[in-house]
N, C-alpha and C. Protein backbone atom coordinates (compact mmCIF):
# COMPACT_ATOMS: atom_id res chain seq x y z
N MET A 1 -21.63 -17.26 -2.38
CA MET A 1 -20.68 -18.25 -1.93
C MET A 1 -21.06 -19.62 -2.48
N LYS A 2 -22.38 -19.87 -2.61
CA LYS A 2 -22.82 -21.16 -3.16
C LYS A 2 -22.32 -21.31 -4.60
N ASN A 3 -22.39 -20.23 -5.39
CA ASN A 3 -21.88 -20.28 -6.76
C ASN A 3 -20.40 -20.57 -6.77
N PHE A 4 -19.69 -20.00 -5.83
CA PHE A 4 -18.25 -20.20 -5.74
C PHE A 4 -17.93 -21.67 -5.46
N ILE A 5 -18.62 -22.29 -4.50
CA ILE A 5 -18.41 -23.70 -4.17
C ILE A 5 -18.81 -24.56 -5.35
N PHE A 6 -19.91 -24.23 -6.00
CA PHE A 6 -20.34 -24.98 -7.18
C PHE A 6 -19.27 -24.93 -8.28
N LEU A 7 -18.74 -23.74 -8.52
CA LEU A 7 -17.71 -23.57 -9.54
C LEU A 7 -16.46 -24.38 -9.18
N LEU A 8 -16.09 -24.36 -7.91
CA LEU A 8 -14.92 -25.11 -7.47
C LEU A 8 -15.16 -26.61 -7.64
N SER A 9 -16.38 -27.06 -7.40
CA SER A 9 -16.72 -28.47 -7.60
C SER A 9 -16.57 -28.86 -9.07
N ILE A 10 -16.97 -27.98 -9.96
CA ILE A 10 -16.80 -28.24 -11.39
C ILE A 10 -15.32 -28.35 -11.73
N PHE A 11 -14.52 -27.47 -11.14
CA PHE A 11 -13.08 -27.53 -11.37
C PHE A 11 -12.51 -28.87 -10.92
N LEU A 12 -12.95 -29.32 -9.74
CA LEU A 12 -12.45 -30.59 -9.21
C LEU A 12 -12.83 -31.75 -10.13
N LEU A 13 -14.05 -31.73 -10.60
CA LEU A 13 -14.50 -32.77 -11.51
C LEU A 13 -13.69 -32.76 -12.80
N SER A 14 -13.48 -31.59 -13.36
CA SER A 14 -12.72 -31.51 -14.61
C SER A 14 -11.27 -31.90 -14.40
N PHE A 15 -10.73 -31.57 -13.24
CA PHE A 15 -9.34 -31.96 -12.96
C PHE A 15 -9.23 -33.46 -12.87
N THR A 16 -10.18 -34.10 -12.18
CA THR A 16 -10.16 -35.55 -12.04
C THR A 16 -10.24 -36.22 -13.41
N LEU A 17 -11.11 -35.70 -14.28
CA LEU A 17 -11.27 -36.29 -15.60
C LEU A 17 -10.04 -36.10 -16.49
N SER A 18 -9.34 -35.00 -16.29
CA SER A 18 -8.20 -34.74 -17.16
C SER A 18 -6.87 -35.19 -16.57
N ALA A 19 -6.88 -35.70 -15.34
CA ALA A 19 -5.63 -36.08 -14.69
C ALA A 19 -4.91 -37.18 -15.47
N CYS A 20 -5.69 -38.03 -16.10
CA CYS A 20 -5.07 -39.11 -16.87
C CYS A 20 -4.35 -38.61 -18.11
N SER A 21 -4.74 -37.46 -18.62
CA SER A 21 -4.16 -36.96 -19.86
C SER A 21 -2.98 -36.02 -19.65
N ARG A 22 -2.66 -35.71 -18.39
CA ARG A 22 -1.57 -34.75 -18.19
C ARG A 22 -0.23 -35.39 -18.52
N GLU A 23 0.66 -34.55 -19.00
CA GLU A 23 1.97 -35.02 -19.41
C GLU A 23 2.88 -35.18 -18.21
N ASN A 24 3.71 -36.23 -18.23
CA ASN A 24 4.70 -36.42 -17.18
C ASN A 24 6.05 -35.98 -17.69
N THR A 25 6.87 -35.51 -16.78
CA THR A 25 8.21 -35.10 -17.19
C THR A 25 9.13 -36.31 -17.12
N SER A 26 10.10 -36.36 -18.01
CA SER A 26 11.05 -37.46 -18.01
C SER A 26 12.10 -37.24 -16.94
N SER A 27 12.83 -38.31 -16.62
CA SER A 27 13.85 -38.20 -15.58
C SER A 27 14.96 -37.26 -16.00
N GLU A 28 15.13 -37.04 -17.31
CA GLU A 28 16.15 -36.11 -17.80
C GLU A 28 15.82 -34.68 -17.47
N GLU A 29 14.53 -34.39 -17.20
CA GLU A 29 14.09 -33.02 -16.99
C GLU A 29 13.94 -32.68 -15.51
N LYS A 30 14.66 -33.33 -14.64
CA LYS A 30 14.58 -33.06 -13.20
C LYS A 30 15.10 -31.67 -12.90
N GLU A 31 14.69 -31.15 -11.74
CA GLU A 31 15.10 -29.82 -11.34
C GLU A 31 16.62 -29.73 -11.20
N THR A 32 17.11 -28.54 -11.40
CA THR A 32 18.53 -28.29 -11.20
C THR A 32 18.69 -27.29 -10.08
N LYS A 33 19.69 -27.49 -9.25
CA LYS A 33 19.93 -26.56 -8.15
C LYS A 33 20.80 -25.43 -8.63
N ASN A 34 20.44 -24.25 -8.23
CA ASN A 34 21.25 -23.08 -8.49
C ASN A 34 22.26 -22.99 -7.37
N VAL A 35 23.53 -23.19 -7.67
CA VAL A 35 24.57 -23.22 -6.65
C VAL A 35 24.68 -21.89 -5.94
N GLU A 36 24.56 -20.79 -6.66
CA GLU A 36 24.70 -19.47 -6.07
C GLU A 36 23.65 -19.18 -5.01
N SER A 37 22.39 -19.49 -5.30
CA SER A 37 21.32 -19.08 -4.41
C SER A 37 20.68 -20.23 -3.65
N SER A 38 21.06 -21.46 -3.95
CA SER A 38 20.48 -22.67 -3.38
C SER A 38 18.97 -22.76 -3.62
N GLN A 39 18.45 -22.03 -4.60
CA GLN A 39 17.07 -22.14 -5.03
C GLN A 39 16.99 -23.19 -6.13
N ILE A 40 15.88 -23.88 -6.19
CA ILE A 40 15.68 -24.85 -7.25
C ILE A 40 14.94 -24.16 -8.39
N ALA A 41 15.43 -24.34 -9.60
CA ALA A 41 14.79 -23.75 -10.78
C ALA A 41 13.77 -24.75 -11.34
N PHE A 42 12.75 -24.21 -12.02
CA PHE A 42 11.81 -25.08 -12.71
C PHE A 42 12.54 -25.88 -13.79
N ASN A 43 11.99 -27.03 -14.13
CA ASN A 43 12.59 -27.86 -15.17
C ASN A 43 12.00 -27.55 -16.55
N PHE A 44 11.49 -26.35 -16.71
CA PHE A 44 10.99 -25.87 -17.99
C PHE A 44 11.27 -24.38 -18.07
N SER A 45 11.29 -23.88 -19.28
CA SER A 45 11.56 -22.45 -19.47
C SER A 45 10.26 -21.66 -19.36
N LEU A 46 10.38 -20.36 -19.23
CA LEU A 46 9.20 -19.50 -19.20
C LEU A 46 8.44 -19.61 -20.52
N GLU A 47 9.15 -19.70 -21.61
CA GLU A 47 8.50 -19.83 -22.92
C GLU A 47 7.68 -21.12 -22.99
N GLU A 48 8.24 -22.23 -22.47
CA GLU A 48 7.50 -23.50 -22.46
C GLU A 48 6.27 -23.40 -21.57
N PHE A 49 6.41 -22.73 -20.43
CA PHE A 49 5.28 -22.55 -19.54
C PHE A 49 4.19 -21.73 -20.23
N ALA A 50 4.57 -20.64 -20.89
CA ALA A 50 3.61 -19.77 -21.57
C ALA A 50 2.86 -20.55 -22.65
N GLN A 51 3.56 -21.36 -23.40
CA GLN A 51 2.91 -22.13 -24.45
C GLN A 51 1.91 -23.13 -23.86
N ALA A 52 2.32 -23.83 -22.79
CA ALA A 52 1.44 -24.80 -22.15
C ALA A 52 0.21 -24.09 -21.54
N TYR A 53 0.45 -22.93 -20.94
CA TYR A 53 -0.65 -22.16 -20.36
C TYR A 53 -1.67 -21.79 -21.44
N ASN A 54 -1.19 -21.25 -22.54
CA ASN A 54 -2.08 -20.81 -23.62
C ASN A 54 -2.89 -21.96 -24.20
N GLU A 55 -2.25 -23.11 -24.36
CA GLU A 55 -2.95 -24.28 -24.90
C GLU A 55 -4.03 -24.75 -23.94
N LYS A 56 -3.72 -24.83 -22.65
CA LYS A 56 -4.69 -25.29 -21.65
C LYS A 56 -5.83 -24.29 -21.49
N ALA A 57 -5.53 -22.99 -21.54
CA ALA A 57 -6.58 -21.97 -21.44
C ALA A 57 -7.57 -22.13 -22.59
N GLU A 58 -7.05 -22.35 -23.78
CA GLU A 58 -7.94 -22.53 -24.94
C GLU A 58 -8.79 -23.79 -24.78
N GLU A 59 -8.16 -24.86 -24.30
CA GLU A 59 -8.88 -26.12 -24.10
C GLU A 59 -10.03 -25.93 -23.09
N ILE A 60 -9.78 -25.24 -22.01
CA ILE A 60 -10.81 -25.01 -20.99
C ILE A 60 -11.91 -24.11 -21.55
N GLU A 61 -11.54 -23.07 -22.28
CA GLU A 61 -12.55 -22.19 -22.89
C GLU A 61 -13.45 -22.95 -23.86
N ASN A 62 -12.89 -23.90 -24.58
CA ASN A 62 -13.64 -24.65 -25.58
C ASN A 62 -14.49 -25.77 -24.98
N ASP A 63 -14.29 -26.08 -23.70
CA ASP A 63 -15.08 -27.11 -23.02
C ASP A 63 -16.41 -26.48 -22.61
N GLU A 64 -17.47 -26.84 -23.32
CA GLU A 64 -18.77 -26.22 -23.08
C GLU A 64 -19.29 -26.47 -21.67
N GLU A 65 -18.92 -27.58 -21.07
CA GLU A 65 -19.37 -27.88 -19.71
C GLU A 65 -18.72 -26.98 -18.67
N MET A 66 -17.57 -26.42 -18.98
CA MET A 66 -16.85 -25.58 -18.04
C MET A 66 -17.44 -24.18 -17.95
N ASN A 67 -18.06 -23.70 -19.02
CA ASN A 67 -18.63 -22.35 -19.05
C ASN A 67 -17.61 -21.30 -18.61
N SER A 68 -16.43 -21.39 -19.16
CA SER A 68 -15.32 -20.50 -18.81
C SER A 68 -15.44 -19.14 -19.48
N PRO A 69 -15.04 -18.10 -18.77
CA PRO A 69 -14.92 -16.80 -19.44
C PRO A 69 -13.73 -16.85 -20.40
N ILE A 70 -13.64 -15.88 -21.29
CA ILE A 70 -12.48 -15.77 -22.17
C ILE A 70 -11.29 -15.37 -21.30
N LEU A 71 -10.22 -16.14 -21.39
CA LEU A 71 -9.03 -15.89 -20.57
C LEU A 71 -7.94 -15.25 -21.40
N ASN A 72 -7.22 -14.33 -20.81
CA ASN A 72 -6.07 -13.73 -21.50
C ASN A 72 -5.01 -14.79 -21.71
N ARG A 73 -4.21 -14.58 -22.71
CA ARG A 73 -3.08 -15.48 -22.99
C ARG A 73 -1.79 -14.80 -22.57
N ILE A 74 -0.78 -15.62 -22.33
CA ILE A 74 0.55 -15.09 -22.07
C ILE A 74 1.19 -14.84 -23.43
N ILE A 75 1.47 -13.61 -23.72
CA ILE A 75 2.13 -13.26 -24.99
C ILE A 75 3.60 -13.10 -24.67
N PHE A 76 4.38 -14.11 -25.03
CA PHE A 76 5.77 -14.18 -24.61
C PHE A 76 6.56 -12.93 -25.00
N ASP A 77 6.35 -12.44 -26.20
CA ASP A 77 7.11 -11.27 -26.66
C ASP A 77 6.73 -9.98 -25.93
N ASP A 78 5.58 -9.98 -25.25
CA ASP A 78 5.14 -8.79 -24.53
C ASP A 78 5.47 -8.81 -23.04
N ILE A 79 6.09 -9.89 -22.57
CA ILE A 79 6.45 -9.96 -21.15
C ILE A 79 7.53 -8.93 -20.89
N GLY A 80 7.32 -8.17 -19.84
CA GLY A 80 8.24 -7.08 -19.54
C GLY A 80 9.58 -7.53 -19.01
N ASP A 81 10.39 -6.54 -18.70
CA ASP A 81 11.72 -6.78 -18.16
C ASP A 81 11.63 -7.28 -16.73
N PHE A 82 12.76 -7.74 -16.22
CA PHE A 82 12.86 -8.15 -14.83
C PHE A 82 12.71 -6.93 -13.93
N GLU A 83 11.90 -7.08 -12.89
CA GLU A 83 11.78 -6.02 -11.89
C GLU A 83 12.28 -6.59 -10.57
N TYR A 84 13.17 -5.85 -9.91
CA TYR A 84 13.74 -6.32 -8.66
C TYR A 84 12.87 -5.91 -7.49
N ASP A 85 12.57 -6.85 -6.60
CA ASP A 85 11.81 -6.59 -5.39
C ASP A 85 12.77 -6.70 -4.21
N GLU A 86 13.17 -5.56 -3.67
CA GLU A 86 14.14 -5.53 -2.57
C GLU A 86 13.63 -6.25 -1.33
N ASN A 87 12.34 -6.13 -1.04
CA ASN A 87 11.78 -6.76 0.15
C ASN A 87 11.89 -8.28 0.12
N LYS A 88 11.72 -8.86 -1.04
CA LYS A 88 11.75 -10.32 -1.17
C LYS A 88 13.07 -10.83 -1.75
N ASN A 89 13.91 -9.91 -2.19
CA ASN A 89 15.20 -10.27 -2.79
C ASN A 89 15.01 -11.20 -3.99
N ILE A 90 14.04 -10.85 -4.85
CA ILE A 90 13.75 -11.63 -6.05
C ILE A 90 13.52 -10.68 -7.22
N TYR A 91 13.54 -11.28 -8.40
CA TYR A 91 13.15 -10.57 -9.62
C TYR A 91 11.80 -11.13 -10.04
N THR A 92 10.95 -10.28 -10.59
CA THR A 92 9.64 -10.72 -11.06
C THR A 92 9.41 -10.25 -12.49
N ARG A 93 8.52 -10.96 -13.15
CA ARG A 93 8.03 -10.56 -14.47
C ARG A 93 6.54 -10.85 -14.49
N GLU A 94 5.74 -9.85 -14.83
CA GLU A 94 4.30 -10.03 -14.89
C GLU A 94 3.93 -10.75 -16.17
N LEU A 95 3.22 -11.86 -16.03
CA LEU A 95 2.80 -12.65 -17.19
C LEU A 95 1.38 -12.32 -17.60
N ILE A 96 0.48 -12.18 -16.61
CA ILE A 96 -0.92 -11.85 -16.89
C ILE A 96 -1.43 -10.96 -15.77
N SER A 97 -2.19 -9.97 -16.16
CA SER A 97 -2.92 -9.15 -15.20
C SER A 97 -4.22 -8.78 -15.88
N GLU A 98 -5.32 -9.26 -15.32
CA GLU A 98 -6.61 -8.97 -15.93
C GLU A 98 -7.67 -8.78 -14.87
N SER A 99 -8.72 -8.10 -15.25
CA SER A 99 -9.85 -7.90 -14.35
C SER A 99 -11.13 -8.14 -15.13
N ASP A 100 -12.19 -8.39 -14.36
CA ASP A 100 -13.47 -8.64 -15.02
C ASP A 100 -14.48 -7.56 -14.64
N ASP A 101 -15.67 -7.65 -15.22
CA ASP A 101 -16.71 -6.64 -15.01
C ASP A 101 -17.23 -6.59 -13.58
N SER A 102 -17.02 -7.68 -12.82
CA SER A 102 -17.55 -7.72 -11.45
C SER A 102 -16.59 -7.09 -10.44
N GLY A 103 -15.45 -6.62 -10.91
CA GLY A 103 -14.46 -6.04 -9.99
C GLY A 103 -13.42 -7.04 -9.54
N GLY A 104 -13.49 -8.26 -10.05
CA GLY A 104 -12.50 -9.28 -9.71
C GLY A 104 -11.24 -9.10 -10.55
N SER A 105 -10.13 -9.63 -10.06
CA SER A 105 -8.89 -9.54 -10.82
C SER A 105 -8.05 -10.78 -10.61
N PHE A 106 -7.10 -10.98 -11.53
CA PHE A 106 -6.16 -12.09 -11.47
C PHE A 106 -4.81 -11.59 -11.95
N THR A 107 -3.77 -11.97 -11.22
CA THR A 107 -2.40 -11.63 -11.61
C THR A 107 -1.55 -12.88 -11.51
N LEU A 108 -0.71 -13.08 -12.51
CA LEU A 108 0.24 -14.19 -12.54
C LEU A 108 1.62 -13.61 -12.80
N ASN A 109 2.53 -13.86 -11.86
CA ASN A 109 3.91 -13.38 -11.98
C ASN A 109 4.88 -14.55 -11.95
N ALA A 110 5.94 -14.43 -12.73
CA ALA A 110 7.05 -15.38 -12.67
C ALA A 110 8.08 -14.79 -11.72
N TRP A 111 8.63 -15.62 -10.84
CA TRP A 111 9.65 -15.18 -9.90
C TRP A 111 10.99 -15.79 -10.27
N TYR A 112 12.04 -15.02 -10.04
CA TYR A 112 13.40 -15.43 -10.39
C TYR A 112 14.34 -15.15 -9.21
N ASP A 113 15.42 -15.94 -9.13
CA ASP A 113 16.43 -15.67 -8.11
C ASP A 113 17.38 -14.58 -8.61
N ASN A 114 18.41 -14.31 -7.84
CA ASN A 114 19.35 -13.23 -8.20
C ASN A 114 20.12 -13.51 -9.49
N ASP A 115 20.21 -14.78 -9.87
CA ASP A 115 20.86 -15.14 -11.13
C ASP A 115 19.84 -15.22 -12.27
N GLN A 116 18.62 -14.79 -11.98
CA GLN A 116 17.52 -14.77 -12.93
C GLN A 116 17.16 -16.15 -13.46
N ASN A 117 17.20 -17.14 -12.55
CA ASN A 117 16.69 -18.48 -12.84
C ASN A 117 15.22 -18.53 -12.45
N PHE A 118 14.37 -19.01 -13.34
CA PHE A 118 12.92 -19.09 -13.15
C PHE A 118 12.63 -20.12 -12.07
N ASN A 119 12.20 -19.64 -10.87
CA ASN A 119 12.04 -20.57 -9.76
C ASN A 119 10.75 -20.39 -8.97
N GLY A 120 9.77 -19.68 -9.49
CA GLY A 120 8.53 -19.55 -8.77
C GLY A 120 7.44 -18.91 -9.60
N LEU A 121 6.21 -19.23 -9.22
CA LEU A 121 5.03 -18.60 -9.81
C LEU A 121 4.21 -18.04 -8.67
N ASN A 122 3.71 -16.86 -8.84
CA ASN A 122 2.87 -16.23 -7.84
C ASN A 122 1.54 -15.85 -8.49
N LEU A 123 0.45 -16.39 -7.95
CA LEU A 123 -0.89 -16.13 -8.47
C LEU A 123 -1.67 -15.39 -7.40
N SER A 124 -2.43 -14.40 -7.80
CA SER A 124 -3.34 -13.76 -6.85
C SER A 124 -4.64 -13.47 -7.56
N THR A 125 -5.73 -13.72 -6.84
CA THR A 125 -7.04 -13.44 -7.39
C THR A 125 -7.87 -12.76 -6.32
N PHE A 126 -8.49 -11.67 -6.71
CA PHE A 126 -9.31 -10.87 -5.81
C PHE A 126 -10.72 -10.81 -6.38
N GLY A 127 -11.70 -10.83 -5.49
CA GLY A 127 -13.08 -10.71 -5.92
C GLY A 127 -13.77 -9.58 -5.20
N SER A 128 -14.80 -9.06 -5.82
CA SER A 128 -15.51 -7.94 -5.20
C SER A 128 -16.41 -8.38 -4.07
N ASP A 129 -16.99 -9.58 -4.17
CA ASP A 129 -17.89 -10.03 -3.11
C ASP A 129 -17.49 -11.37 -2.50
N ASN A 130 -16.37 -11.90 -2.92
CA ASN A 130 -15.85 -13.12 -2.28
C ASN A 130 -14.34 -13.15 -2.48
N MET A 131 -13.71 -14.27 -2.12
CA MET A 131 -12.25 -14.31 -2.14
C MET A 131 -11.64 -14.39 -3.53
N ALA A 132 -12.37 -14.85 -4.49
CA ALA A 132 -11.78 -15.01 -5.81
C ALA A 132 -12.85 -14.79 -6.87
N SER A 133 -12.45 -14.18 -7.94
CA SER A 133 -13.39 -13.98 -9.05
C SER A 133 -13.45 -15.27 -9.87
N ASP A 134 -14.53 -15.43 -10.63
CA ASP A 134 -14.63 -16.60 -11.51
C ASP A 134 -13.46 -16.64 -12.47
N MET A 135 -13.13 -15.47 -13.03
CA MET A 135 -12.02 -15.39 -13.97
C MET A 135 -10.72 -15.83 -13.29
N GLY A 136 -10.52 -15.40 -12.05
CA GLY A 136 -9.32 -15.78 -11.31
C GLY A 136 -9.27 -17.27 -11.03
N LEU A 137 -10.42 -17.86 -10.72
CA LEU A 137 -10.45 -19.30 -10.47
C LEU A 137 -10.15 -20.10 -11.73
N PHE A 138 -10.67 -19.65 -12.86
CA PHE A 138 -10.38 -20.36 -14.11
C PHE A 138 -8.90 -20.25 -14.47
N ASN A 139 -8.31 -19.07 -14.27
CA ASN A 139 -6.87 -18.91 -14.52
C ASN A 139 -6.05 -19.80 -13.59
N THR A 140 -6.46 -19.88 -12.32
CA THR A 140 -5.78 -20.75 -11.35
C THR A 140 -5.90 -22.20 -11.78
N LEU A 141 -7.08 -22.58 -12.24
CA LEU A 141 -7.29 -23.94 -12.74
C LEU A 141 -6.33 -24.26 -13.87
N VAL A 142 -6.14 -23.33 -14.80
CA VAL A 142 -5.22 -23.54 -15.92
C VAL A 142 -3.81 -23.81 -15.40
N VAL A 143 -3.33 -22.98 -14.49
CA VAL A 143 -1.97 -23.16 -13.95
C VAL A 143 -1.85 -24.50 -13.24
N PHE A 144 -2.82 -24.84 -12.40
CA PHE A 144 -2.76 -26.10 -11.67
C PHE A 144 -2.79 -27.29 -12.63
N HIS A 145 -3.62 -27.22 -13.66
CA HIS A 145 -3.69 -28.30 -14.64
C HIS A 145 -2.35 -28.54 -15.32
N ILE A 146 -1.72 -27.50 -15.81
CA ILE A 146 -0.48 -27.72 -16.57
C ILE A 146 0.66 -28.18 -15.69
N LEU A 147 0.60 -27.87 -14.39
CA LEU A 147 1.65 -28.33 -13.48
C LEU A 147 1.28 -29.66 -12.81
N GLY A 148 0.06 -30.12 -13.02
CA GLY A 148 -0.37 -31.38 -12.42
C GLY A 148 -0.65 -31.26 -10.93
N ILE A 149 -1.02 -30.08 -10.48
CA ILE A 149 -1.33 -29.85 -9.06
C ILE A 149 -2.83 -30.03 -8.87
N ASP A 150 -3.20 -30.74 -7.82
CA ASP A 150 -4.60 -31.03 -7.52
C ASP A 150 -5.32 -29.75 -7.08
N ILE A 151 -6.33 -29.34 -7.83
CA ILE A 151 -7.10 -28.13 -7.50
C ILE A 151 -7.85 -28.31 -6.18
N GLY A 152 -7.97 -29.55 -5.73
CA GLY A 152 -8.63 -29.83 -4.46
C GLY A 152 -7.96 -29.16 -3.28
N HIS A 153 -6.66 -28.89 -3.39
CA HIS A 153 -5.96 -28.21 -2.30
C HIS A 153 -6.55 -26.81 -2.07
N LEU A 154 -6.89 -26.14 -3.14
CA LEU A 154 -7.50 -24.82 -3.01
C LEU A 154 -8.86 -24.94 -2.34
N ASN A 155 -9.63 -25.93 -2.74
CA ASN A 155 -10.93 -26.18 -2.13
C ASN A 155 -10.77 -26.47 -0.63
N ASP A 156 -9.75 -27.26 -0.28
CA ASP A 156 -9.49 -27.56 1.13
C ASP A 156 -9.27 -26.28 1.93
N LEU A 157 -8.47 -25.38 1.39
CA LEU A 157 -8.19 -24.13 2.09
C LEU A 157 -9.46 -23.29 2.22
N LEU A 158 -10.21 -23.18 1.13
CA LEU A 158 -11.40 -22.33 1.15
C LEU A 158 -12.48 -22.85 2.10
N LYS A 159 -12.56 -24.16 2.29
CA LYS A 159 -13.56 -24.74 3.18
C LYS A 159 -13.10 -24.76 4.64
N SER A 160 -11.82 -24.54 4.87
CA SER A 160 -11.30 -24.64 6.24
C SER A 160 -11.31 -23.28 6.94
N ASP A 161 -11.04 -23.32 8.23
CA ASP A 161 -10.91 -22.10 9.01
C ASP A 161 -9.50 -21.54 8.94
N GLN A 162 -8.60 -22.27 8.31
CA GLN A 162 -7.21 -21.84 8.20
C GLN A 162 -7.08 -20.69 7.20
N ASP A 163 -6.05 -19.87 7.43
CA ASP A 163 -5.75 -18.80 6.48
C ASP A 163 -4.66 -19.20 5.51
N MET A 164 -3.90 -20.26 5.85
CA MET A 164 -2.79 -20.71 4.99
C MET A 164 -2.74 -22.23 4.96
N LEU A 165 -2.21 -22.72 3.86
CA LEU A 165 -2.02 -24.15 3.69
C LEU A 165 -0.77 -24.36 2.86
N ASP A 166 0.16 -25.15 3.38
CA ASP A 166 1.38 -25.51 2.66
C ASP A 166 1.31 -26.98 2.33
N ILE A 167 1.46 -27.29 1.05
CA ILE A 167 1.40 -28.69 0.61
C ILE A 167 2.53 -28.96 -0.38
N GLU A 168 2.82 -30.24 -0.55
CA GLU A 168 3.70 -30.68 -1.63
C GLU A 168 2.87 -31.57 -2.52
N ASP A 169 2.90 -31.29 -3.81
CA ASP A 169 2.10 -32.02 -4.78
C ASP A 169 2.98 -32.28 -5.99
N GLY A 170 3.30 -33.54 -6.21
CA GLY A 170 4.17 -33.89 -7.33
C GLY A 170 5.53 -33.26 -7.18
N ASP A 171 5.93 -32.48 -8.16
CA ASP A 171 7.25 -31.84 -8.18
C ASP A 171 7.25 -30.45 -7.55
N TYR A 172 6.15 -30.06 -6.86
CA TYR A 172 6.03 -28.67 -6.44
C TYR A 172 5.66 -28.52 -4.97
N SER A 173 6.17 -27.44 -4.39
CA SER A 173 5.73 -26.96 -3.09
C SER A 173 4.76 -25.83 -3.36
N VAL A 174 3.60 -25.90 -2.72
CA VAL A 174 2.56 -24.92 -2.98
C VAL A 174 2.15 -24.28 -1.66
N HIS A 175 2.20 -22.97 -1.62
CA HIS A 175 1.75 -22.20 -0.45
C HIS A 175 0.49 -21.46 -0.86
N LEU A 176 -0.61 -21.77 -0.19
CA LEU A 176 -1.89 -21.12 -0.47
C LEU A 176 -2.26 -20.27 0.74
N ALA A 177 -2.72 -19.06 0.49
CA ALA A 177 -3.15 -18.17 1.57
C ALA A 177 -4.42 -17.47 1.14
N LYS A 178 -5.28 -17.25 2.13
CA LYS A 178 -6.49 -16.49 1.83
C LYS A 178 -6.58 -15.31 2.78
N LEU A 179 -7.02 -14.23 2.22
CA LEU A 179 -7.35 -13.05 3.00
C LEU A 179 -8.87 -13.07 3.06
N PRO A 180 -9.45 -13.33 4.23
CA PRO A 180 -10.89 -13.56 4.32
C PRO A 180 -11.71 -12.51 3.56
N ASP A 181 -12.64 -13.04 2.76
CA ASP A 181 -13.57 -12.23 1.96
C ASP A 181 -12.88 -11.27 1.00
N THR A 182 -11.60 -11.51 0.70
CA THR A 182 -10.88 -10.56 -0.14
C THR A 182 -10.13 -11.23 -1.27
N ALA A 183 -9.21 -12.16 -0.95
CA ALA A 183 -8.28 -12.64 -1.97
C ALA A 183 -7.75 -14.03 -1.66
N VAL A 184 -7.22 -14.65 -2.70
CA VAL A 184 -6.46 -15.88 -2.59
C VAL A 184 -5.11 -15.62 -3.25
N ILE A 185 -4.04 -16.00 -2.54
CA ILE A 185 -2.69 -15.82 -3.07
C ILE A 185 -1.99 -17.17 -3.03
N ILE A 186 -1.35 -17.53 -4.13
CA ILE A 186 -0.72 -18.84 -4.26
C ILE A 186 0.70 -18.67 -4.76
N LYS A 187 1.63 -19.36 -4.10
CA LYS A 187 3.04 -19.36 -4.51
C LYS A 187 3.40 -20.80 -4.82
N ILE A 188 3.95 -21.03 -6.01
CA ILE A 188 4.34 -22.38 -6.43
C ILE A 188 5.83 -22.37 -6.73
N GLU A 189 6.53 -23.34 -6.12
CA GLU A 189 7.98 -23.48 -6.34
C GLU A 189 8.30 -24.94 -6.61
N PRO A 190 9.31 -25.21 -7.41
CA PRO A 190 9.75 -26.60 -7.57
C PRO A 190 10.39 -27.06 -6.27
N LYS A 191 10.24 -28.36 -5.97
CA LYS A 191 10.87 -28.87 -4.75
C LYS A 191 12.07 -29.73 -5.07
């Protein structure tokens, strides 16, 4: 657990240092409401997200102070078809699913409304001996960095006795949940 807190502290430090360099969206790129479903769609396409993810993952891997594992990339042409989830009344597409040698895993899914508008990201990371694997935390860091979400929110949840935390950060609503000693699940939606 000490290694986990140490790793999270490194993430917070790197986020603070890179916050000045993150890109801001212009007023022309504001969210659009989907009239049919009343869901708000992201102000970027899945392809733009994939490109930004891949660039940030490479940047973090190349930062010697981060000591990051090699992270999978989102290969846009290999993203599967839409899969309908009846329980949640959404469509999903798996962007990344990877596991490491320690038994940890990370999954990143894009969520869509019934009109197949890209309106959510779902991240889950499982660890064999704690709530999140190192690989999962680095992948989460990449997603938070490119969206400009403070990684400190995850640290707040992990240090608290709460099982869930709902926050608004910039242009996003973020729902964080932990399954004690098992997993961290994060849902990100535009607000």
